Amino acid sequence: MAIDELHRRFESAFGIPLGVVPMPGDLIQIFPGQLLWGSAISQQQPLLTQSDIESFLEGSRAGYFLIGFWGHGVNSHAFYYVHEDGRNHVFLRLSYGGAYTDNEEQARRVATFLPAFIDFERRHREAGSVLRVVDAMGWGDYEVITADGRRRRFRRSLFVRSDFYQERNFDAYLEDAELLSDDEDEKA
């Protein structure tokens, strides 16, 4: 199965081109017959479940990249966009697929959420910020450390929040979050 199939499935499912997502050119298929692609390091250690997220955030896996569809069981299916570049950690596991899910509603959410997130990520990276972001099956944790050292953190999933889809502004949630110092974050 070629990566072209991932492009077709993404566009068919979400109605937007996969080109909205920046991807390295040297991706390999993670599992035969699956629409999950990634870097060599992600093939060696695919991080796919909720229990893998802490390991991802705590470890150093520069060059880790994972994108595509994967699921297990009857209803634990998702679209993945996961990467680490040595500074930034992003783990998006966006609910899509499964027997008991409103897949049309989830597809609309992914089609709205993902381009808005990619823009948010691009702007902060260009500004020299460090991102540590998780939005995975209802668990959310967004942390931005600006180039001047200010830390903002919002600890809820935006993918599942209905109010997010009105403005689609990640920064608005971080602006409402409290400004943290290292000591204050440890207390939280």
C-alpha atoms as a PDB file:
ATOM      1  CA  MET A   1       0.000   0.000   0.000  1.00  0.00           C
ATOM      2  CA  ALA A   2       1.450   3.339  -1.041  1.00  0.00           C
ATOM      3  CA  ILE A   3       1.273   6.565   0.918  1.00  0.00           C
ATOM      4  CA  ASP A   4      -1.041   7.824  -1.849  1.00  0.00           C
ATOM      5  CA  GLU A   5      -3.754   5.714  -0.228  1.00  0.00           C
ATOM      6  CA  LEU A   6      -3.330   7.701   3.013  1.00  0.00           C
ATOM      7  CA  HIS A   7      -3.768  10.913   1.014  1.00  0.00           C
ATOM      8  CA  ARG A   8      -6.950   9.584  -0.639  1.00  0.00           C
ATOM      9  CA  ARG A   9      -8.433   8.311   2.620  1.00  0.00           C
ATOM     10  CA  PHE A  10      -7.653  11.555   4.465  1.00  0.00           C
ATOM     11  CA  GLU A  11      -9.273  13.665   1.747  1.00  0.00           C
ATOM     12  CA  SER A  12     -12.268  11.324   1.493  1.00  0.00           C
ATOM     13  CA  ALA A  13     -12.797  11.239   5.268  1.00  0.00           C
ATOM     14  CA  PHE A  14     -12.202  14.906   6.077  1.00  0.00           C
ATOM     15  CA  GLY A  15     -12.774  16.764   2.813  1.00  0.00           C
ATOM     16  CA  ILE A  16      -9.449  18.609   2.998  1.00  0.00           C
ATOM     17  CA  PRO A  17      -6.101  17.737   1.385  1.00  0.00           C
ATOM     18  CA  LEU A  18      -3.454  16.014   3.506  1.00  0.00           C
ATOM     19  CA  GLY A  19      -1.106  18.713   2.216  1.00  0.00           C
ATOM     20  CA  VAL A  20      -2.332  20.980   5.053  1.00  0.00           C
ATOM     21  CA  VAL A  21      -0.120  18.882   7.347  1.00  0.00           C
ATOM     22  CA  PRO A  22       3.653  19.396   7.054  1.00  0.00           C
ATOM     23  CA  MET A  23       5.294  15.994   6.622  1.00  0.00           C
ATOM     24  CA  PRO A  24       8.838  14.815   6.084  1.00  0.00           C
ATOM     25  CA  GLY A  25       9.424  13.087   2.765  1.00  0.00           C
ATOM     26  CA  ASP A  26      10.924   9.833   3.982  1.00  0.00           C
ATOM     27  CA  LEU A  27       7.904   8.182   5.611  1.00  0.00           C
ATOM     28  CA  ILE A  28       7.501   4.431   5.844  1.00  0.00           C
ATOM     29  CA  GLN A  29       4.446   2.318   6.525  1.00  0.00           C
ATOM     30  CA  ILE A  30       4.258   1.379  10.204  1.00  0.00           C
ATOM     31  CA  PHE A  31       2.168  -1.797   9.846  1.00  0.00           C
ATOM     32  CA  PRO A  32       1.514  -3.691   6.596  1.00  0.00           C
ATOM     33  CA  GLY A  33      -1.938  -2.961   5.210  1.00  0.00           C
ATOM     34  CA  GLN A  34      -2.574  -0.053   7.611  1.00  0.00           C
ATOM     35  CA  LEU A  35      -2.927   3.641   6.807  1.00  0.00           C
ATOM     36  CA  LEU A  36      -0.339   4.685   9.383  1.00  0.00           C
ATOM     37  CA  TRP A  37       2.954   6.144   8.228  1.00  0.00           C
ATOM     38  CA  GLY A  38       5.949   7.558  10.023  1.00  0.00           C
ATOM     39  CA  SER A  39       9.666   7.995  10.440  1.00  0.00           C
ATOM     40  CA  ALA A  40      12.011   5.073  11.043  1.00  0.00           C
ATOM     41  CA  ILE A  41      12.067   5.817  14.794  1.00  0.00           C
ATOM     42  CA  SER A  42       8.266   5.672  14.948  1.00  0.00           C
ATOM     43  CA  GLN A  43       8.289   2.301  13.186  1.00  0.00           C
ATOM     44  CA  GLN A  44      10.692   0.974  15.822  1.00  0.00           C
ATOM     45  CA  GLN A  45       8.475   2.247  18.636  1.00  0.00           C
ATOM     46  CA  PRO A  46       4.962   3.196  17.517  1.00  0.00           C
ATOM     47  CA  LEU A  47       3.297   5.167  20.310  1.00  0.00           C
ATOM     48  CA  LEU A  48      -0.413   4.680  19.746  1.00  0.00           C
ATOM     49  CA  THR A  49      -2.349   4.369  22.997  1.00  0.00           C
ATOM     50  CA  GLN A  50      -3.179   6.723  25.852  1.00  0.00           C
ATOM     51  CA  SER A  51      -0.630   4.959  28.043  1.00  0.00           C
ATOM     52  CA  ASP A  52       2.133   5.826  25.525  1.00  0.00           C
ATOM     53  CA  ILE A  53       1.641   9.588  25.824  1.00  0.00           C
ATOM     54  CA  GLU A  54       3.593  10.126  29.059  1.00  0.00           C
ATOM     55  CA  SER A  55       6.503   8.159  27.603  1.00  0.00           C
ATOM     56  CA  PHE A  56       6.394  10.324  24.489  1.00  0.00           C
ATOM     57  CA  LEU A  57       6.421  13.574  26.470  1.00  0.00           C
ATOM     58  CA  GLU A  58       9.170  12.508  28.847  1.00  0.00           C
ATOM     59  CA  GLY A  59      11.482  10.901  26.313  1.00  0.00           C
ATOM     60  CA  SER A  60      13.710  12.397  23.691  1.00  0.00           C
ATOM     61  CA  ARG A  61      12.849  11.132  20.230  1.00  0.00           C
ATOM     62  CA  ALA A  62      14.050  13.816  17.851  1.00  0.00           C
ATOM     63  CA  GLY A  63      12.865  12.902  14.368  1.00  0.00           C
ATOM     64  CA  TYR A  64       9.796  11.030  15.595  1.00  0.00           C
ATOM     65  CA  PHE A  65       6.875  11.487  13.192  1.00  0.00           C
ATOM     66  CA  LEU A  66       3.632   9.529  12.889  1.00  0.00           C
ATOM     67  CA  ILE A  67       0.542  10.261  10.809  1.00  0.00           C
ATOM     68  CA  GLY A  68      -2.516   8.328   9.758  1.00  0.00           C
ATOM     69  CA  PHE A  69      -5.391   6.180  10.892  1.00  0.00           C
ATOM     70  CA  TRP A  70      -5.164   3.447  13.503  1.00  0.00           C
ATOM     71  CA  GLY A  71      -7.446   1.865  16.019  1.00  0.00           C
ATOM     72  CA  HIS A  72      -8.121  -1.154  18.146  1.00  0.00           C
ATOM     73  CA  GLY A  73     -11.214  -2.702  19.627  1.00  0.00           C
ATOM     74  CA  VAL A  74     -14.696  -1.631  18.625  1.00  0.00           C
ATOM     75  CA  ASN A  75     -14.460   2.104  19.248  1.00  0.00           C
ATOM     76  CA  SER A  76     -10.896   3.197  19.955  1.00  0.00           C
ATOM     77  CA  HIS A  77     -10.030   4.545  16.509  1.00  0.00           C
ATOM     78  CA  ALA A  78      -8.296   7.807  15.724  1.00  0.00           C
ATOM     79  CA  PHE A  79      -6.413   9.980  13.299  1.00  0.00           C
ATOM     80  CA  TYR A  80      -2.828  10.544  14.484  1.00  0.00           C
ATOM     81  CA  TYR A  81      -0.500  13.486  14.036  1.00  0.00           C
ATOM     82  CA  VAL A  82       2.476  12.958  16.350  1.00  0.00           C
ATOM     83  CA  HIS A  83       5.953  14.415  16.141  1.00  0.00           C
ATOM     84  CA  GLU A  84       8.972  15.553  18.076  1.00  0.00           C
ATOM     85  CA  ASP A  85      11.821  17.612  16.683  1.00  0.00           C
ATOM     86  CA  GLY A  86      14.048  17.776  19.769  1.00  0.00           C
ATOM     87  CA  ARG A  87      12.268  20.880  21.104  1.00  0.00           C
ATOM     88  CA  ASN A  88       8.581  20.518  20.372  1.00  0.00           C
ATOM     89  CA  HIS A  89       6.345  17.588  21.297  1.00  0.00           C
ATOM     90  CA  VAL A  90       2.953  17.218  19.610  1.00  0.00           C
ATOM     91  CA  PHE A  91       0.678  14.212  20.195  1.00  0.00           C
ATOM     92  CA  LEU A  92      -2.713  14.503  18.496  1.00  0.00           C
ATOM     93  CA  ARG A  93      -4.886  11.394  18.666  1.00  0.00           C
ATOM     94  CA  LEU A  94      -8.167  12.692  17.293  1.00  0.00           C
ATOM     95  CA  SER A  95     -11.155  10.413  17.654  1.00  0.00           C
ATOM     96  CA  TYR A  96     -12.392   9.161  14.293  1.00  0.00           C
ATOM     97  CA  GLY A  97     -13.868   5.790  13.431  1.00  0.00           C
ATOM     98  CA  GLY A  98     -15.371   3.067  15.511  1.00  0.00           C
ATOM     99  CA  ALA A  99     -18.747   1.439  15.800  1.00  0.00           C
ATOM    100  CA  TYR A 100     -20.257   3.740  18.433  1.00  0.00           C
ATOM    101  CA  THR A 101     -18.933   7.092  17.229  1.00  0.00           C
ATOM    102  CA  ASP A 102     -20.671   9.725  15.128  1.00  0.00           C
ATOM    103  CA  ASN A 103     -18.018   9.536  12.423  1.00  0.00           C
ATOM    104  CA  GLU A 104     -19.513  12.350  10.336  1.00  0.00           C
ATOM    105  CA  GLU A 105     -19.353  14.725  13.311  1.00  0.00           C
ATOM    106  CA  GLN A 106     -15.831  13.566  14.164  1.00  0.00           C
ATOM    107  CA  ALA A 107     -14.759  14.094  10.541  1.00  0.00           C
ATOM    108  CA  ARG A 108     -16.115  17.663  10.630  1.00  0.00           C
ATOM    109  CA  ARG A 109     -14.196  18.287  13.842  1.00  0.00           C
ATOM    110  CA  VAL A 110     -10.927  16.935  12.413  1.00  0.00           C
ATOM    111  CA  ALA A 111     -11.396  18.993   9.215  1.00  0.00           C
ATOM    112  CA  THR A 112     -11.799  22.153  11.313  1.00  0.00           C
ATOM    113  CA  PHE A 113      -9.381  21.390  14.153  1.00  0.00           C
ATOM    114  CA  LEU A 114      -6.335  20.148  12.237  1.00  0.00           C
ATOM    115  CA  PRO A 115      -5.758  23.117   9.870  1.00  0.00           C
ATOM    116  CA  ALA A 116      -6.310  25.526  12.790  1.00  0.00           C
ATOM    117  CA  PHE A 117      -3.806  23.579  14.883  1.00  0.00           C
ATOM    118  CA  ILE A 118      -1.226  23.478  12.055  1.00  0.00           C
ATOM    119  CA  ASP A 119      -1.494  27.271  11.749  1.00  0.00           C
ATOM    120  CA  PHE A 120      -1.170  27.685  15.550  1.00  0.00           C
ATOM    121  CA  GLU A 121       1.875  25.401  15.586  1.00  0.00           C
ATOM    122  CA  ARG A 122       3.527  27.148  12.635  1.00  0.00           C
ATOM    123  CA  ARG A 123       3.078  30.630  14.119  1.00  0.00           C
ATOM    124  CA  HIS A 124       4.504  29.630  17.493  1.00  0.00           C
ATOM    125  CA  ARG A 125       7.447  27.769  16.012  1.00  0.00           C
ATOM    126  CA  GLU A 126       8.295  30.745  13.786  1.00  0.00           C
ATOM    127  CA  ALA A 127       8.160  32.965  16.884  1.00  0.00           C
ATOM    128  CA  GLY A 128      10.674  30.696  18.640  1.00  0.00           C
ATOM    129  CA  SER A 129       8.235  29.182  21.124  1.00  0.00           C
ATOM    130  CA  VAL A 130       8.439  25.640  22.426  1.00  0.00           C
ATOM    131  CA  LEU A 131       5.253  23.566  22.229  1.00  0.00           C
ATOM    132  CA  ARG A 132       4.248  20.587  24.335  1.00  0.00           C
ATOM    133  CA  VAL A 133       0.801  19.626  23.135  1.00  0.00           C
ATOM    134  CA  VAL A 134      -1.424  16.637  23.760  1.00  0.00           C
ATOM    135  CA  ASP A 135      -4.978  16.297  22.548  1.00  0.00           C
ATOM    136  CA  ALA A 136      -5.883  12.653  22.683  1.00  0.00           C
ATOM    137  CA  MET A 137      -9.318  11.095  23.066  1.00  0.00           C
ATOM    138  CA  GLY A 138     -10.543  13.681  25.576  1.00  0.00           C
ATOM    139  CA  TRP A 139      -7.219  14.380  27.311  1.00  0.00           C
ATOM    140  CA  GLY A 140      -5.748  17.770  26.537  1.00  0.00           C
ATOM    141  CA  ASP A 141      -2.655  19.586  27.712  1.00  0.00           C
ATOM    142  CA  TYR A 142      -1.389  22.614  25.792  1.00  0.00           C
ATOM    143  CA  GLU A 143       1.800  24.285  26.940  1.00  0.00           C
ATOM    144  CA  VAL A 144       3.604  27.070  25.132  1.00  0.00           C
ATOM    145  CA  ILE A 145       6.903  28.510  26.313  1.00  0.00           C
ATOM    146  CA  THR A 146       7.570  31.725  24.418  1.00  0.00           C
ATOM    147  CA  ALA A 147      10.997  32.834  23.225  1.00  0.00           C
ATOM    148  CA  ASP A 148      11.179  35.198  26.206  1.00  0.00           C
ATOM    149  CA  GLY A 149      10.478  32.364  28.655  1.00  0.00           C
ATOM    150  CA  ARG A 150       6.785  32.971  29.475  1.00  0.00           C
ATOM    151  CA  ARG A 151       4.840  29.751  30.005  1.00  0.00           C
ATOM    152  CA  ARG A 152       1.148  29.357  29.351  1.00  0.00           C
ATOM    153  CA  ARG A 153      -0.737  26.139  29.860  1.00  0.00           C
ATOM    154  CA  PHE A 154      -4.292  24.996  29.196  1.00  0.00           C
ATOM    155  CA  ARG A 155      -5.098  21.529  30.546  1.00  0.00           C
ATOM    156  CA  ARG A 156      -8.183  20.419  28.657  1.00  0.00           C
ATOM    157  CA  SER A 157      -8.919  18.914  25.266  1.00  0.00           C
ATOM    158  CA  LEU A 158      -9.913  21.501  22.697  1.00  0.00           C
ATOM    159  CA  PHE A 159     -10.900  18.841  20.166  1.00  0.00           C
ATOM    160  CA  VAL A 160     -13.878  17.800  22.304  1.00  0.00           C
ATOM    161  CA  ARG A 161     -14.960  21.354  23.283  1.00  0.00           C
ATOM    162  CA  SER A 162     -17.916  22.617  21.251  1.00  0.00           C
ATOM    163  CA  ASP A 163     -17.046  26.260  21.996  1.00  0.00           C
ATOM    164  CA  PHE A 164     -13.655  25.861  20.300  1.00  0.00           C
ATOM    165  CA  TYR A 165     -15.297  25.381  16.894  1.00  0.00           C
ATOM    166  CA  GLN A 166     -16.917  28.811  16.962  1.00  0.00           C
ATOM    167  CA  GLU A 167     -13.659  30.792  16.922  1.00  0.00           C
ATOM    168  CA  ARG A 168     -11.031  28.075  16.273  1.00  0.00           C
ATOM    169  CA  ASN A 169      -8.479  30.074  18.241  1.00  0.00           C
ATOM    170  CA  PHE A 170      -6.003  28.033  20.269  1.00  0.00           C
ATOM    171  CA  ASP A 171      -4.287  31.162  21.547  1.00  0.00           C
ATOM    172  CA  ALA A 172      -7.508  32.445  23.143  1.00  0.00           C
ATOM    173  CA  TYR A 173      -7.494  29.483  25.521  1.00  0.00           C
ATOM    174  CA  LEU A 174      -3.845  30.020  26.363  1.00  0.00           C
ATOM    175  CA  GLU A 175      -4.456  33.731  26.968  1.00  0.00           C
ATOM    176  CA  ASP A 176      -7.117  32.810  29.502  1.00  0.00           C
ATOM    177  CA  ALA A 177      -4.763  30.306  31.133  1.00  0.00           C
ATOM    178  CA  GLU A 178      -2.608  31.526  33.943  1.00  0.00           C
ATOM    179  CA  LEU A 179       0.985  32.505  33.377  1.00  0.00           C
ATOM    180  CA  LEU A 180       3.146  29.882  35.093  1.00  0.00           C
ATOM    181  CA  SER A 181       6.576  29.851  36.595  1.00  0.00           C
ATOM    182  CA  ASP A 182       8.364  26.535  37.087  1.00  0.00           C
ATOM    183  CA  ASP A 183       7.488  26.547  40.822  1.00  0.00           C
ATOM    184  CA  GLU A 184       3.801  27.272  40.172  1.00  0.00           C
ATOM    185  CA  ASP A 185       3.548  24.518  37.582  1.00  0.00           C
ATOM    186  CA  GLU A 186       4.841  21.916  40.019  1.00  0.00           C
ATOM    187  CA  LYS A 187       2.057  22.839  42.485  1.00  0.00           C
ATOM    188  CA  ALA A 188      -0.665  22.446  39.831  1.00  0.00           C
END
